[in-house]
Protein backbone atom coordinates (compact mmCIF):
# COMPACT_ATOMS: atom_id res chain seq x y z
CA MET A 1 -19.81 16.80 17.45
CA ARG A 2 -19.56 13.74 19.68
CA ARG A 3 -16.22 12.96 21.32
CA LEU A 4 -14.87 9.49 20.62
CA ARG A 5 -13.18 7.24 23.11
CA ALA A 6 -10.05 5.60 21.78
CA GLY A 7 -11.45 2.13 22.46
CA GLU A 8 -14.31 2.82 20.05
CA LEU A 9 -11.83 2.85 17.17
CA LEU A 10 -10.28 -0.55 17.91
CA GLY A 11 -11.43 -3.23 15.47
CA VAL A 12 -13.11 -0.77 13.09
CA ARG A 13 -12.38 -1.51 9.44
CA VAL A 14 -10.47 1.08 7.42
CA VAL A 15 -10.96 1.87 3.74
CA ASP A 16 -8.62 3.92 1.58
CA ARG A 17 -9.46 6.77 -0.78
CA ASP A 18 -10.49 4.28 -3.48
CA GLY A 19 -12.80 2.34 -1.15
CA ARG A 20 -10.41 -0.62 -0.80
CA GLU A 21 -9.92 -2.40 2.52
CA ALA A 22 -6.78 -1.27 4.34
CA GLY A 23 -7.25 -3.48 7.43
CA SER A 24 -8.80 -2.79 10.78
CA VAL A 25 -7.60 -0.62 13.64
CA GLN A 26 -5.39 -2.73 15.89
CA ASP A 27 -3.76 0.00 17.96
CA ILE A 28 -3.71 3.76 18.44
CA VAL A 29 -0.47 5.74 18.64
CA VAL A 30 -0.68 8.69 21.02
CA ARG A 31 1.68 11.29 22.44
CA HIS A 32 1.36 12.41 26.07
CA GLU A 33 2.77 15.83 26.91
CA GLU A 34 1.94 17.96 29.91
CA GLY A 35 -1.25 16.07 30.69
CA VAL A 36 -2.57 16.22 27.12
CA TYR A 37 -3.00 13.14 24.92
CA THR A 38 -2.77 13.64 21.16
CA VAL A 39 -3.62 10.94 18.63
CA LEU A 40 -0.76 10.61 16.14
CA GLY A 41 -2.10 7.74 14.08
CA LEU A 42 -3.55 4.27 13.80
CA VAL A 43 -1.91 0.87 13.43
CA LEU A 44 -3.85 -1.16 10.90
CA GLY A 45 -3.68 -4.86 10.25
CA ARG A 46 -5.12 -8.24 10.97
CA SER A 47 -3.85 -8.60 14.53
CA ALA A 48 -1.79 -6.60 16.98
CA LEU A 49 -0.65 -9.58 19.00
CA ALA A 50 3.04 -8.58 18.99
CA GLY A 51 2.19 -5.01 19.94
CA ARG A 52 0.00 -6.20 22.78
CA PHE A 53 2.99 -8.14 24.14
CA GLY A 54 4.66 -4.74 24.36
CA TYR A 55 6.88 -5.15 21.32
CA GLY A 56 6.08 -2.04 19.36
CA ASP A 57 8.56 0.28 17.75
CA SER A 58 10.16 1.37 21.00
CA LEU A 59 10.87 -2.04 22.57
CA GLU A 60 13.12 -4.60 20.94
CA PRO A 61 12.28 -8.24 21.65
CA SER A 62 14.98 -10.61 22.77
CA THR A 63 16.79 -12.45 19.98
CA PRO A 64 14.80 -15.73 20.09
CA TRP A 65 11.52 -13.83 19.67
CA LYS A 66 12.61 -11.14 17.22
CA HIS A 67 11.82 -13.05 14.03
CA LEU A 68 8.56 -14.50 15.32
CA LEU A 69 7.26 -11.12 16.48
CA GLY A 70 8.38 -9.51 13.23
CA TRP A 71 6.47 -12.18 11.34
CA LEU A 72 3.37 -11.53 13.48
CA ARG A 73 3.60 -7.82 12.58
CA ARG A 74 4.20 -8.31 8.84
CA HIS A 75 0.74 -7.09 7.80
CA GLU A 76 0.72 -3.98 9.98
CA ARG A 77 0.48 -0.57 8.37
CA TYR A 78 0.46 2.86 9.93
CA VAL A 79 -1.78 5.76 8.96
CA LYS A 80 -1.22 9.27 10.29
CA TRP A 81 -4.23 10.75 12.04
CA GLU A 82 -4.13 13.72 9.65
CA ASP A 83 -4.82 11.25 6.79
CA VAL A 84 -8.09 10.13 8.42
CA ILE A 85 -10.84 11.96 6.56
CA ALA A 86 -13.95 10.41 8.14
CA VAL A 87 -14.89 8.28 11.12
CA ARG A 88 -18.21 6.62 10.36
CA GLU A 89 -20.24 4.17 12.37
CA ASP A 90 -19.09 1.17 10.32
CA ARG A 91 -15.70 2.29 8.94
CA ILE A 92 -12.88 4.80 8.99
CA GLU A 93 -11.99 6.44 5.69
CA ILE A 94 -8.46 7.54 4.89
CA GLY A 95 -7.42 9.93 2.13
CA VAL A 96 -4.42 7.94 0.94
CA ASP A 97 -3.88 4.70 -0.99
CA HIS A 98 -3.44 1.80 1.42
CA GLY A 99 -0.49 0.53 -0.63
CA SER A 100 1.48 3.66 0.22
CA LEU A 101 1.14 3.28 4.00
CA PRO A 102 4.39 2.66 5.91
CA ARG A 103 4.84 -0.44 8.04
CA ARG A 104 6.01 1.38 11.15
CA TRP A 105 4.91 4.64 12.76
CA HIS A 106 8.48 6.03 12.93
CA GLU A 107 8.76 5.68 9.13
CA ALA A 108 5.91 8.18 8.82
CA HIS A 109 7.46 10.82 11.13
């Protein structure tokens, strides 16, 4: 089995268990403990612009930007890595309905 680099997942389209589009991978959520990185899940959506500014779930934007960045993140969904059932060359398949995916990673944990 070939090892994947995290960057290879970015931009890949994701389909749910019924074959419907769930978005594309915009970001990867990882945990780093004692020198080991573990993939927790994927942030799906149209764009991860707000997250790339550093405003993910752990950093609150200042008041003037809060609503704008929330609006930019409105289409984001989070899928737990354990719900990924296949990583193919042209898509990632998940074993859940895309409509049931939470908007934020902390809602899934």
